[in-house]
Amino acid sequence: MRPPGFWDGSPHHPAALALRPLGALYGRLTAARMARPGARGPCPVLCLGNFTLGGAGKTPAALALADILRDLGARPAFLSRGYGGRLPGPVAVDPARHGAADVGDEPLLLAARAPAIVARDRVAGAALCAEAGADMIVMDDGLQNPSLAKDLALAVVDAGAGIGNGLPFPAGPLRAPLARQWPHVGGVILIGEGAPGEAVAEAALRRGLPVHRARLAAEPGALAGRRVLAFAGIGRPQKFFATVRESGAELAGTRAFPDHHPYGAGDLAALAAEAARLGADLVTTEKDAVRLPAAFAGRVRVLPARLRFHDEAALRAHVRGVCPPV
């Protein structure tokens, strides 16, 4: 899905006004669902979600938090719904056997760093995480899913987007009214810079919630001097294009696709032809790379981006409170 432009505009945009009654109903239903009690998991659950539809950086945040948890002595496993995959689970993700069509793109990335379980039934998935040896569950998305109780939920916010026009779907990007979501989070991870995100950060601080600031960064000089055509099918492709520029590349062109876009032969032929015309290398994200056919993947450079926290010590102290005793 490609978010409509009016989501980032005024709440008084004609389309937003027309859809506001439907958004109010959707928001009330989601908020009521969030308030339901959830089942306790076999070990502590750290949920990384977002207030809005679309990508905010949850997967890079999950990878970074898993590294921190390991450093604190925990044995984390990832739990994901497996958006875009056909398997309902619970299933342990095996990159040697599973593709994005099976389990979704994000779980394949997660599984490269720690055990990853895909399950639409989050309680059953949590049980399989424990069977896999985990003593800590990192739940990638699921803030609005009440089935599994969370020991700590952190809302991931893209600073450049914030909460858009502040209205619930379909009038805006919110999954539920923000005031109804605050009671379910214990802090915010703010990625990047921008006034929309600062407004959310200020609201969090007024409620006494910590704000952990971070940025996505590629390895310095990873593409230095290379002329590239960058493409991405993620929540906010412009974030990736900015990372490509910061890596030292000469950005000859960009192509944005909808989030989780399944690349077809026509897409790939057009990208290859455009890259040849521009005299550029193709470059994409890790998340997009797992959705490319093997025959095409070898023709594309992958630029990994990692989340860097401004004050990692503060985040460590925050999550240590929910870690199992070492």
C-alpha atoms as a PDB file:
ATOM      1  CA  MET A   1       0.000   0.000   0.000  1.00  0.00           C
ATOM      2  CA  ARG A   2       1.237   3.473  -0.902  1.00  0.00           C
ATOM      3  CA  PRO A   3      -0.007   6.008   1.702  1.00  0.00           C
ATOM      4  CA  PRO A   4      -2.179   8.757   0.181  1.00  0.00           C
ATOM      5  CA  GLY A   5      -0.599  12.187   0.194  1.00  0.00           C
ATOM      6  CA  PHE A   6      -3.330  13.809   2.279  1.00  0.00           C
ATOM      7  CA  TRP A   7      -2.311  11.678   5.285  1.00  0.00           C
ATOM      8  CA  ASP A   8       0.692  13.975   5.712  1.00  0.00           C
ATOM      9  CA  GLY A   9      -1.330  17.140   5.242  1.00  0.00           C
ATOM     10  CA  SER A  10      -3.951  19.045   7.158  1.00  0.00           C
ATOM     11  CA  PRO A  11      -6.683  17.192   9.060  1.00  0.00           C
ATOM     12  CA  HIS A  12      -9.036  19.587   7.250  1.00  0.00           C
ATOM     13  CA  HIS A  13      -8.148  18.264   3.790  1.00  0.00           C
ATOM     14  CA  PRO A  14     -11.408  17.423   1.955  1.00  0.00           C
ATOM     15  CA  ALA A  15     -10.542  13.722   1.729  1.00  0.00           C
ATOM     16  CA  ALA A  16      -9.679  13.569   5.435  1.00  0.00           C
ATOM     17  CA  LEU A  17     -12.926  15.329   6.347  1.00  0.00           C
ATOM     18  CA  ALA A  18     -14.960  12.955   4.174  1.00  0.00           C
ATOM     19  CA  LEU A  19     -13.359   9.880   5.752  1.00  0.00           C
ATOM     20  CA  ARG A  20     -13.319  11.170   9.324  1.00  0.00           C
ATOM     21  CA  PRO A  21     -16.526   9.342  10.434  1.00  0.00           C
ATOM     22  CA  LEU A  22     -15.163   6.022   9.179  1.00  0.00           C
ATOM     23  CA  GLY A  23     -11.828   6.778  10.821  1.00  0.00           C
ATOM     24  CA  ALA A  24     -13.536   7.540  14.126  1.00  0.00           C
ATOM     25  CA  LEU A  25     -15.270   4.148  14.020  1.00  0.00           C
ATOM     26  CA  TYR A  26     -12.071   2.305  13.067  1.00  0.00           C
ATOM     27  CA  GLY A  27     -10.135   4.104  15.781  1.00  0.00           C
ATOM     28  CA  ARG A  28     -12.690   3.297  18.479  1.00  0.00           C
ATOM     29  CA  LEU A  29     -12.722  -0.375  17.546  1.00  0.00           C
ATOM     30  CA  THR A  30      -8.932  -0.614  17.550  1.00  0.00           C
ATOM     31  CA  ALA A  31      -8.633   1.227  20.859  1.00  0.00           C
ATOM     32  CA  ALA A  32     -11.210  -1.078  22.452  1.00  0.00           C
ATOM     33  CA  ARG A  33      -9.297  -4.082  21.150  1.00  0.00           C
ATOM     34  CA  MET A  34      -6.027  -2.760  22.583  1.00  0.00           C
ATOM     35  CA  ALA A  35      -7.638  -2.508  26.021  1.00  0.00           C
ATOM     36  CA  ARG A  36      -8.366  -6.232  26.229  1.00  0.00           C
ATOM     37  CA  PRO A  37      -6.154  -8.221  28.640  1.00  0.00           C
ATOM     38  CA  GLY A  38      -3.603 -10.530  27.070  1.00  0.00           C
ATOM     39  CA  ALA A  39      -2.200 -13.913  28.021  1.00  0.00           C
ATOM     40  CA  ARG A  40       1.146 -14.001  29.792  1.00  0.00           C
ATOM     41  CA  GLY A  41       3.945 -15.449  27.724  1.00  0.00           C
ATOM     42  CA  PRO A  42       6.478 -18.025  28.864  1.00  0.00           C
ATOM     43  CA  CYS A  43       9.119 -15.276  29.172  1.00  0.00           C
ATOM     44  CA  PRO A  44       9.223 -11.451  29.106  1.00  0.00           C
ATOM     45  CA  VAL A  45       7.915  -9.758  25.957  1.00  0.00           C
ATOM     46  CA  LEU A  46       9.409  -6.559  24.529  1.00  0.00           C
ATOM     47  CA  CYS A  47       7.124  -5.205  21.808  1.00  0.00           C
ATOM     48  CA  LEU A  48       8.260  -2.764  19.132  1.00  0.00           C
ATOM     49  CA  GLY A  49       5.244  -1.251  17.428  1.00  0.00           C
ATOM     50  CA  ASN A  50       4.099   2.001  15.928  1.00  0.00           C
ATOM     51  CA  PHE A  51       1.154   4.314  16.307  1.00  0.00           C
ATOM     52  CA  THR A  52       0.528   4.471  12.561  1.00  0.00           C
ATOM     53  CA  LEU A  53       0.116   2.228   9.558  1.00  0.00           C
ATOM     54  CA  GLY A  54       3.189   1.764   7.411  1.00  0.00           C
ATOM     55  CA  GLY A  55       6.865   1.550   8.129  1.00  0.00           C
ATOM     56  CA  ALA A  56       8.533   3.531  10.882  1.00  0.00           C
ATOM     57  CA  GLY A  57      11.723   1.520  11.370  1.00  0.00           C
ATOM     58  CA  LYS A  58      10.487  -1.305  13.603  1.00  0.00           C
ATOM     59  CA  THR A  59      12.676  -3.998  12.048  1.00  0.00           C
ATOM     60  CA  PRO A  60      15.995  -2.089  12.433  1.00  0.00           C
ATOM     61  CA  ALA A  61      14.894  -1.284  15.976  1.00  0.00           C
ATOM     62  CA  ALA A  62      14.165  -4.961  16.671  1.00  0.00           C
ATOM     63  CA  LEU A  63      17.606  -5.965  15.389  1.00  0.00           C
ATOM     64  CA  ALA A  64      19.300  -3.315  17.517  1.00  0.00           C
ATOM     65  CA  LEU A  65      17.322  -4.270  20.632  1.00  0.00           C
ATOM     66  CA  ALA A  66      18.179  -7.941  20.181  1.00  0.00           C
ATOM     67  CA  ASP A  67      21.873  -7.038  20.157  1.00  0.00           C
ATOM     68  CA  ILE A  68      21.426  -5.022  23.351  1.00  0.00           C
ATOM     69  CA  LEU A  69      19.517  -7.842  25.036  1.00  0.00           C
ATOM     70  CA  ARG A  70      22.258 -10.329  24.171  1.00  0.00           C
ATOM     71  CA  ASP A  71      24.839  -7.974  25.655  1.00  0.00           C
ATOM     72  CA  LEU A  72      22.723  -7.915  28.822  1.00  0.00           C
ATOM     73  CA  GLY A  73      22.886 -11.703  29.007  1.00  0.00           C
ATOM     74  CA  ALA A  74      19.468 -12.544  27.557  1.00  0.00           C
ATOM     75  CA  ARG A  75      18.673 -15.076  24.838  1.00  0.00           C
ATOM     76  CA  PRO A  76      16.209 -13.217  22.583  1.00  0.00           C
ATOM     77  CA  ALA A  77      13.989 -14.611  19.867  1.00  0.00           C
ATOM     78  CA  PHE A  78      11.908 -12.598  17.429  1.00  0.00           C
ATOM     79  CA  LEU A  79       8.149 -12.995  17.124  1.00  0.00           C
ATOM     80  CA  SER A  80       6.461 -11.675  13.980  1.00  0.00           C
ATOM     81  CA  ARG A  81       3.100 -11.997  12.293  1.00  0.00           C
ATOM     82  CA  GLY A  82       4.935 -12.525   9.001  1.00  0.00           C
ATOM     83  CA  TYR A  83       3.155  -9.841   7.005  1.00  0.00           C
ATOM     84  CA  GLY A  84       2.982 -10.798   3.338  1.00  0.00           C
ATOM     85  CA  GLY A  85       3.773 -14.468   3.948  1.00  0.00           C
ATOM     86  CA  ARG A  86       1.397 -17.365   3.311  1.00  0.00           C
ATOM     87  CA  LEU A  87       2.309 -19.488   6.363  1.00  0.00           C
ATOM     88  CA  PRO A  88       0.083 -18.836   9.400  1.00  0.00           C
ATOM     89  CA  GLY A  89       2.540 -20.534  11.748  1.00  0.00           C
ATOM     90  CA  PRO A  90       3.699 -20.919  14.328  1.00  0.00           C
ATOM     91  CA  VAL A  91       6.819 -21.774  12.372  1.00  0.00           C
ATOM     92  CA  ALA A  92      10.515 -21.223  12.989  1.00  0.00           C
ATOM     93  CA  VAL A  93      11.931 -19.246  10.078  1.00  0.00           C
ATOM     94  CA  ASP A  94      14.671 -21.015   8.143  1.00  0.00           C
ATOM     95  CA  PRO A  95      16.205 -18.797   5.419  1.00  0.00           C
ATOM     96  CA  ALA A  96      17.483 -21.950   3.687  1.00  0.00           C
ATOM     97  CA  ARG A  97      13.913 -23.244   3.263  1.00  0.00           C
ATOM     98  CA  HIS A  98      11.656 -20.202   3.438  1.00  0.00           C
ATOM     99  CA  GLY A  99      11.260 -17.257   1.126  1.00  0.00           C
ATOM    100  CA  ALA A 100       9.470 -13.938   1.500  1.00  0.00           C
ATOM    101  CA  ALA A 101       6.328 -15.471  -0.017  1.00  0.00           C
ATOM    102  CA  ASP A 102       6.314 -18.021   2.834  1.00  0.00           C
ATOM    103  CA  VAL A 103       7.060 -15.913   5.910  1.00  0.00           C
ATOM    104  CA  GLY A 104       7.312 -12.287   4.767  1.00  0.00           C
ATOM    105  CA  ASP A 105      10.439 -10.231   4.170  1.00  0.00           C
ATOM    106  CA  GLU A 106      11.087  -8.895   7.672  1.00  0.00           C
ATOM    107  CA  PRO A 107      11.301 -12.311   9.429  1.00  0.00           C
ATOM    108  CA  LEU A 108      13.983 -13.407   6.966  1.00  0.00           C
ATOM    109  CA  LEU A 109      16.131 -10.455   8.034  1.00  0.00           C
ATOM    110  CA  LEU A 110      15.458 -11.120  11.706  1.00  0.00           C
ATOM    111  CA  ALA A 111      16.281 -14.825  11.416  1.00  0.00           C
ATOM    112  CA  ALA A 112      19.817 -13.986  10.324  1.00  0.00           C
ATOM    113  CA  ARG A 113      20.492 -12.541  13.792  1.00  0.00           C
ATOM    114  CA  ALA A 114      18.449 -14.685  16.222  1.00  0.00           C
ATOM    115  CA  PRO A 115      15.709 -17.333  16.171  1.00  0.00           C
ATOM    116  CA  ALA A 116      12.624 -15.901  14.473  1.00  0.00           C
ATOM    117  CA  ILE A 117       9.115 -17.274  14.822  1.00  0.00           C
ATOM    118  CA  VAL A 118       6.229 -16.368  12.526  1.00  0.00           C
ATOM    119  CA  ALA A 119       2.771 -16.804  14.020  1.00  0.00           C
ATOM    120  CA  ARG A 120      -0.557 -15.114  13.477  1.00  0.00           C
ATOM    121  CA  ASP A 121      -1.482 -16.598  16.861  1.00  0.00           C
ATOM    122  CA  ARG A 122       0.973 -14.633  18.996  1.00  0.00           C
ATOM    123  CA  VAL A 123       0.445 -16.770  22.115  1.00  0.00           C
ATOM    124  CA  ALA A 124       1.313 -19.950  20.208  1.00  0.00           C
ATOM    125  CA  GLY A 125       4.261 -18.141  18.663  1.00  0.00           C
ATOM    126  CA  ALA A 126       5.551 -17.102  22.085  1.00  0.00           C
ATOM    127  CA  ALA A 127       5.450 -20.736  23.203  1.00  0.00           C
ATOM    128  CA  LEU A 128       7.549 -21.735  20.187  1.00  0.00           C
ATOM    129  CA  CYS A 129      10.037 -18.943  20.979  1.00  0.00           C
ATOM    130  CA  ALA A 130      10.557 -20.512  24.418  1.00  0.00           C
ATOM    131  CA  GLU A 131      10.927 -23.964  22.848  1.00  0.00           C
ATOM    132  CA  ALA A 132      13.653 -22.476  20.633  1.00  0.00           C
ATOM    133  CA  GLY A 133      15.590 -21.557  23.786  1.00  0.00           C
ATOM    134  CA  ALA A 134      14.586 -17.914  24.198  1.00  0.00           C
ATOM    135  CA  ASP A 135      14.251 -16.294  27.593  1.00  0.00           C
ATOM    136  CA  MET A 136      13.202 -12.954  26.057  1.00  0.00           C
ATOM    137  CA  ILE A 137      10.810 -12.267  23.173  1.00  0.00           C
ATOM    138  CA  VAL A 138      11.240  -9.295  20.850  1.00  0.00           C
ATOM    139  CA  MET A 139       7.872  -8.778  19.204  1.00  0.00           C
ATOM    140  CA  ASP A 140       8.200  -7.030  15.846  1.00  0.00           C
ATOM    141  CA  ASP A 141       4.910  -5.123  15.544  1.00  0.00           C
ATOM    142  CA  GLY A 142       1.819  -6.041  17.523  1.00  0.00           C
ATOM    143  CA  LEU A 143       1.281  -2.943  19.654  1.00  0.00           C
ATOM    144  CA  GLN A 144      -2.415  -3.043  18.728  1.00  0.00           C
ATOM    145  CA  ASN A 145      -2.673  -6.842  19.145  1.00  0.00           C
ATOM    146  CA  PRO A 146      -3.831  -7.606  22.709  1.00  0.00           C
ATOM    147  CA  SER A 147      -3.546 -11.411  22.634  1.00  0.00           C
ATOM    148  CA  LEU A 148      -0.077 -11.514  24.214  1.00  0.00           C
ATOM    149  CA  ALA A 149       0.692  -9.350  27.243  1.00  0.00           C
ATOM    150  CA  LYS A 150       3.709  -7.068  26.840  1.00  0.00           C
ATOM    151  CA  ASP A 151       6.211  -6.441  29.621  1.00  0.00           C
ATOM    152  CA  LEU A 152       7.416  -3.354  27.763  1.00  0.00           C
ATOM    153  CA  ALA A 153       6.140  -1.765  24.549  1.00  0.00           C
ATOM    154  CA  LEU A 154       8.151   0.880  22.717  1.00  0.00           C
ATOM    155  CA  ALA A 155       6.552   2.911  19.938  1.00  0.00           C
ATOM    156  CA  VAL A 156       8.857   3.477  16.970  1.00  0.00           C
ATOM    157  CA  VAL A 157       8.303   6.865  15.316  1.00  0.00           C
ATOM    158  CA  ASP A 158       9.753   8.163  12.063  1.00  0.00           C
ATOM    159  CA  ALA A 159      10.633  11.756  12.912  1.00  0.00           C
ATOM    160  CA  GLY A 160      10.036  12.892   9.355  1.00  0.00           C
ATOM    161  CA  ALA A 161       6.469  11.598   9.361  1.00  0.00           C
ATOM    162  CA  GLY A 162       5.352  11.685  12.990  1.00  0.00           C
ATOM    163  CA  ILE A 163       1.673  10.800  13.132  1.00  0.00           C
ATOM    164  CA  GLY A 164       0.755  12.527   9.878  1.00  0.00           C
ATOM    165  CA  ASN A 165      -2.498  14.453  10.069  1.00  0.00           C
ATOM    166  CA  GLY A 166      -3.288  12.894  13.451  1.00  0.00           C
ATOM    167  CA  LEU A 167      -6.421  11.050  12.307  1.00  0.00           C
ATOM    168  CA  PRO A 168      -7.233   7.314  12.417  1.00  0.00           C
ATOM    169  CA  PHE A 169      -7.337   5.233   9.246  1.00  0.00           C
ATOM    170  CA  PRO A 170      -8.648   5.760   6.583  1.00  0.00           C
ATOM    171  CA  ALA A 171      -8.838   9.508   7.275  1.00  0.00           C
ATOM    172  CA  GLY A 172      -5.190   9.417   8.359  1.00  0.00           C
ATOM    173  CA  PRO A 173      -2.396   7.001   9.255  1.00  0.00           C
ATOM    174  CA  LEU A 174      -3.154   6.405  12.953  1.00  0.00           C
ATOM    175  CA  ARG A 175      -4.244   2.910  13.958  1.00  0.00           C
ATOM    176  CA  ALA A 176      -6.216   4.394  16.861  1.00  0.00           C
ATOM    177  CA  PRO A 177      -6.482   7.875  18.404  1.00  0.00           C
ATOM    178  CA  LEU A 178      -3.113   8.746  19.874  1.00  0.00           C
ATOM    179  CA  ALA A 179      -4.582   9.521  23.298  1.00  0.00           C
ATOM    180  CA  ARG A 180      -5.951   5.963  23.447  1.00  0.00           C
ATOM    181  CA  GLN A 181      -2.585   4.440  22.491  1.00  0.00           C
ATOM    182  CA  TRP A 182      -0.331   6.252  24.989  1.00  0.00           C
ATOM    183  CA  PRO A 183      -1.394   4.096  27.979  1.00  0.00           C
ATOM    184  CA  HIS A 184      -0.068   1.009  26.206  1.00  0.00           C
ATOM    185  CA  VAL A 185       3.513   2.189  25.604  1.00  0.00           C
ATOM    186  CA  GLY A 186       6.435   2.615  27.956  1.00  0.00           C
ATOM    187  CA  GLY A 187       8.582   4.808  25.749  1.00  0.00           C
ATOM    188  CA  VAL A 188       9.334   6.046  22.238  1.00  0.00           C
ATOM    189  CA  ILE A 189      12.142   5.327  19.805  1.00  0.00           C
ATOM    190  CA  LEU A 190      12.430   8.396  17.570  1.00  0.00           C
ATOM    191  CA  ILE A 191      14.296   7.739  14.323  1.00  0.00           C
ATOM    192  CA  GLY A 192      15.795  10.623  12.390  1.00  0.00           C
ATOM    193  CA  GLU A 193      14.974  14.303  12.602  1.00  0.00           C
ATOM    194  CA  GLY A 194      11.920  16.363  11.812  1.00  0.00           C
ATOM    195  CA  ALA A 195       9.283  18.582  13.370  1.00  0.00           C
ATOM    196  CA  PRO A 196       6.497  15.947  13.092  1.00  0.00           C
ATOM    197  CA  GLY A 197       8.489  13.515  15.212  1.00  0.00           C
ATOM    198  CA  GLU A 198       9.514  16.200  17.685  1.00  0.00           C
ATOM    199  CA  ALA A 199       5.847  16.887  18.373  1.00  0.00           C
ATOM    200  CA  VAL A 200       5.342  13.223  19.288  1.00  0.00           C
ATOM    201  CA  ALA A 201       8.501  13.256  21.432  1.00  0.00           C
ATOM    202  CA  GLU A 202       7.283  16.302  23.351  1.00  0.00           C
ATOM    203  CA  ALA A 203       3.939  14.591  23.974  1.00  0.00           C
ATOM    204  CA  ALA A 204       5.758  11.520  25.297  1.00  0.00           C
ATOM    205  CA  LEU A 205       7.958  13.555  27.614  1.00  0.00           C
ATOM    206  CA  ARG A 206       4.926  15.374  29.002  1.00  0.00           C
ATOM    207  CA  ARG A 207       3.603  11.958  30.002  1.00  0.00           C
ATOM    208  CA  GLY A 208       6.873  11.039  31.680  1.00  0.00           C
ATOM    209  CA  LEU A 209       7.839   8.547  28.983  1.00  0.00           C
ATOM    210  CA  PRO A 210      11.487   8.266  27.868  1.00  0.00           C
ATOM    211  CA  VAL A 211      12.371   9.135  24.276  1.00  0.00           C
ATOM    212  CA  HIS A 212      15.282   7.211  22.763  1.00  0.00           C
ATOM    213  CA  ARG A 213      16.655   9.072  19.757  1.00  0.00           C
ATOM    214  CA  ALA A 214      18.326   7.165  16.942  1.00  0.00           C
ATOM    215  CA  ARG A 215      19.286   7.398  13.296  1.00  0.00           C
ATOM    216  CA  LEU A 216      19.714   4.924  10.479  1.00  0.00           C
ATOM    217  CA  ALA A 217      23.276   4.838   9.234  1.00  0.00           C
ATOM    218  CA  ALA A 218      25.163   2.866   6.628  1.00  0.00           C
ATOM    219  CA  GLU A 219      28.808   1.977   6.926  1.00  0.00           C
ATOM    220  CA  PRO A 220      30.735   5.171   6.073  1.00  0.00           C
ATOM    221  CA  GLY A 221      32.022   5.054   2.522  1.00  0.00           C
ATOM    222  CA  ALA A 222      30.161   1.822   1.713  1.00  0.00           C
ATOM    223  CA  LEU A 223      29.285   3.128  -1.762  1.00  0.00           C
ATOM    224  CA  ALA A 224      31.858   5.906  -1.968  1.00  0.00           C
ATOM    225  CA  GLY A 225      32.350   7.129  -5.517  1.00  0.00           C
ATOM    226  CA  ARG A 226      29.838   4.717  -7.041  1.00  0.00           C
ATOM    227  CA  ARG A 227      27.116   5.946  -9.355  1.00  0.00           C
ATOM    228  CA  VAL A 228      23.917   4.181  -8.344  1.00  0.00           C
ATOM    229  CA  LEU A 229      20.226   3.857  -9.091  1.00  0.00           C
ATOM    230  CA  ALA A 230      18.548   3.269  -5.737  1.00  0.00           C
ATOM    231  CA  PHE A 231      15.204   1.530  -5.405  1.00  0.00           C
ATOM    232  CA  ALA A 232      13.128   0.525  -2.392  1.00  0.00           C
ATOM    233  CA  GLY A 233       9.718  -0.857  -1.504  1.00  0.00           C
ATOM    234  CA  ILE A 234       9.566   0.107   2.166  1.00  0.00           C
ATOM    235  CA  GLY A 235       7.341   2.354   4.261  1.00  0.00           C
ATOM    236  CA  ARG A 236       9.310   5.530   3.523  1.00  0.00           C
ATOM    237  CA  PRO A 237      11.734   4.982   0.611  1.00  0.00           C
ATOM    238  CA  GLN A 238      13.090   8.519   0.950  1.00  0.00           C
ATOM    239  CA  LYS A 239      14.801   7.494   4.197  1.00  0.00           C
ATOM    240  CA  PHE A 240      16.759   4.856   2.306  1.00  0.00           C
ATOM    241  CA  PHE A 241      17.653   7.260  -0.493  1.00  0.00           C
ATOM    242  CA  ALA A 242      19.044   9.689   2.095  1.00  0.00           C
ATOM    243  CA  THR A 243      21.120   6.860   3.591  1.00  0.00           C
ATOM    244  CA  VAL A 244      22.501   6.071   0.126  1.00  0.00           C
ATOM    245  CA  ARG A 245      23.615   9.690  -0.259  1.00  0.00           C
ATOM    246  CA  GLU A 246      25.244   9.605   3.165  1.00  0.00           C
ATOM    247  CA  SER A 247      27.181   6.483   2.175  1.00  0.00           C
ATOM    248  CA  GLY A 248      29.159   8.531  -0.353  1.00  0.00           C
ATOM    249  CA  ALA A 249      27.387   7.358  -3.509  1.00  0.00           C
ATOM    250  CA  GLU A 250      26.526   9.482  -6.520  1.00  0.00           C
ATOM    251  CA  LEU A 251      22.753   9.066  -6.700  1.00  0.00           C
ATOM    252  CA  ALA A 252      21.881   8.954 -10.399  1.00  0.00           C
ATOM    253  CA  GLY A 253      18.219   8.172  -9.789  1.00  0.00           C
ATOM    254  CA  THR A 254      15.660   6.709  -7.411  1.00  0.00           C
ATOM    255  CA  ARG A 255      12.643   4.450  -7.783  1.00  0.00           C
ATOM    256  CA  ALA A 256      10.075   4.073  -5.003  1.00  0.00           C
ATOM    257  CA  PHE A 257       7.703   1.113  -4.733  1.00  0.00           C
ATOM    258  CA  PRO A 258       4.915   0.374  -2.217  1.00  0.00           C
ATOM    259  CA  ASP A 259       5.895  -1.242   1.086  1.00  0.00           C
ATOM    260  CA  HIS A 260       6.456  -5.026   0.790  1.00  0.00           C
ATOM    261  CA  HIS A 261       6.210  -4.742  -3.021  1.00  0.00           C
ATOM    262  CA  PRO A 262       6.512  -8.168  -4.723  1.00  0.00           C
ATOM    263  CA  TYR A 263       8.958  -7.500  -7.547  1.00  0.00           C
ATOM    264  CA  GLY A 264       7.850  -8.909 -10.883  1.00  0.00           C
ATOM    265  CA  ALA A 265       9.735  -9.514 -14.106  1.00  0.00           C
ATOM    266  CA  GLY A 266       8.498  -6.202 -15.514  1.00  0.00           C
ATOM    267  CA  ASP A 267       9.793  -4.236 -12.532  1.00  0.00           C
ATOM    268  CA  LEU A 268      13.178  -5.876 -12.727  1.00  0.00           C
ATOM    269  CA  ALA A 269      13.542  -5.415 -16.490  1.00  0.00           C
ATOM    270  CA  ALA A 270      12.669  -1.736 -16.161  1.00  0.00           C
ATOM    271  CA  LEU A 271      15.159  -1.240 -13.321  1.00  0.00           C
ATOM    272  CA  ALA A 272      17.943  -2.995 -15.239  1.00  0.00           C
ATOM    273  CA  ALA A 273      17.253  -0.934 -18.375  1.00  0.00           C
ATOM    274  CA  GLU A 274      17.196   2.327 -16.418  1.00  0.00           C
ATOM    275  CA  ALA A 275      20.438   1.472 -14.634  1.00  0.00           C
ATOM    276  CA  ALA A 276      22.122   0.689 -17.953  1.00  0.00           C
ATOM    277  CA  ARG A 277      20.897   3.975 -19.437  1.00  0.00           C
ATOM    278  CA  LEU A 278      22.252   5.903 -16.460  1.00  0.00           C
ATOM    279  CA  GLY A 279      25.512   3.967 -16.306  1.00  0.00           C
ATOM    280  CA  ALA A 280      24.728   3.126 -12.696  1.00  0.00           C
ATOM    281  CA  ASP A 281      24.737   0.175 -10.319  1.00  0.00           C
ATOM    282  CA  LEU A 282      21.460  -0.924  -8.784  1.00  0.00           C
ATOM    283  CA  VAL A 283      21.299  -0.668  -4.994  1.00  0.00           C
ATOM    284  CA  THR A 284      18.501  -1.525  -2.571  1.00  0.00           C
ATOM    285  CA  THR A 285      17.723  -2.335   1.052  1.00  0.00           C
ATOM    286  CA  GLU A 286      18.226  -5.628   2.846  1.00  0.00           C
ATOM    287  CA  LYS A 287      14.458  -5.914   3.177  1.00  0.00           C
ATOM    288  CA  ASP A 288      13.939  -5.507  -0.571  1.00  0.00           C
ATOM    289  CA  ALA A 289      16.778  -7.881  -1.403  1.00  0.00           C
ATOM    290  CA  VAL A 290      15.024 -10.877   0.153  1.00  0.00           C
ATOM    291  CA  ARG A 291      12.089 -10.280  -2.229  1.00  0.00           C
ATOM    292  CA  LEU A 292      14.239 -10.368  -5.357  1.00  0.00           C
ATOM    293  CA  PRO A 293      14.475 -13.523  -7.492  1.00  0.00           C
ATOM    294  CA  ALA A 294      17.826 -15.239  -7.007  1.00  0.00           C
ATOM    295  CA  ALA A 295      18.737 -14.699 -10.643  1.00  0.00           C
ATOM    296  CA  PHE A 296      18.352 -10.941 -10.261  1.00  0.00           C
ATOM    297  CA  ALA A 297      19.670 -10.571  -6.734  1.00  0.00           C
ATOM    298  CA  GLY A 298      23.262 -11.019  -7.889  1.00  0.00           C
ATOM    299  CA  ARG A 299      22.942  -7.906 -10.053  1.00  0.00           C
ATOM    300  CA  VAL A 300      21.955  -5.642  -7.166  1.00  0.00           C
ATOM    301  CA  ARG A 301      24.084  -4.154  -4.420  1.00  0.00           C
ATOM    302  CA  VAL A 302      22.605  -4.265  -0.940  1.00  0.00           C
ATOM    303  CA  LEU A 303      23.235  -1.391   1.468  1.00  0.00           C
ATOM    304  CA  PRO A 304      22.709  -2.462   5.074  1.00  0.00           C
ATOM    305  CA  ALA A 305      21.611   0.279   7.445  1.00  0.00           C
ATOM    306  CA  ARG A 306      21.908  -0.016  11.209  1.00  0.00           C
ATOM    307  CA  LEU A 307      20.148   1.920  13.926  1.00  0.00           C
ATOM    308  CA  ARG A 308      22.507   4.036  16.021  1.00  0.00           C
ATOM    309  CA  PHE A 309      21.182   5.390  19.333  1.00  0.00           C
ATOM    310  CA  HIS A 310      22.258   8.780  20.632  1.00  0.00           C
ATOM    311  CA  ASP A 311      22.281   7.468  24.212  1.00  0.00           C
ATOM    312  CA  GLU A 312      22.450   3.684  24.099  1.00  0.00           C
ATOM    313  CA  ALA A 313      23.225   3.522  27.819  1.00  0.00           C
ATOM    314  CA  ALA A 314      19.811   5.029  28.608  1.00  0.00           C
ATOM    315  CA  LEU A 315      18.082   2.482  26.392  1.00  0.00           C
ATOM    316  CA  ARG A 316      20.031  -0.355  28.007  1.00  0.00           C
ATOM    317  CA  ALA A 317      18.948   0.817  31.432  1.00  0.00           C
ATOM    318  CA  HIS A 318      15.349   1.005  30.254  1.00  0.00           C
ATOM    319  CA  VAL A 319      15.150  -2.538  28.825  1.00  0.00           C
ATOM    320  CA  ARG A 320      17.234  -4.060  31.614  1.00  0.00           C
ATOM    321  CA  GLY A 321      14.194  -3.718  33.843  1.00  0.00           C
ATOM    322  CA  VAL A 322      12.315  -6.376  31.847  1.00  0.00           C
ATOM    323  CA  CYS A 323      15.236  -8.712  31.178  1.00  0.00           C
ATOM    324  CA  PRO A 324      15.288 -12.085  32.954  1.00  0.00           C
ATOM    325  CA  PRO A 325      17.829 -12.399  35.783  1.00  0.00           C
ATOM    326  CA  VAL A 326      21.268 -13.405  34.525  1.00  0.00           C
END
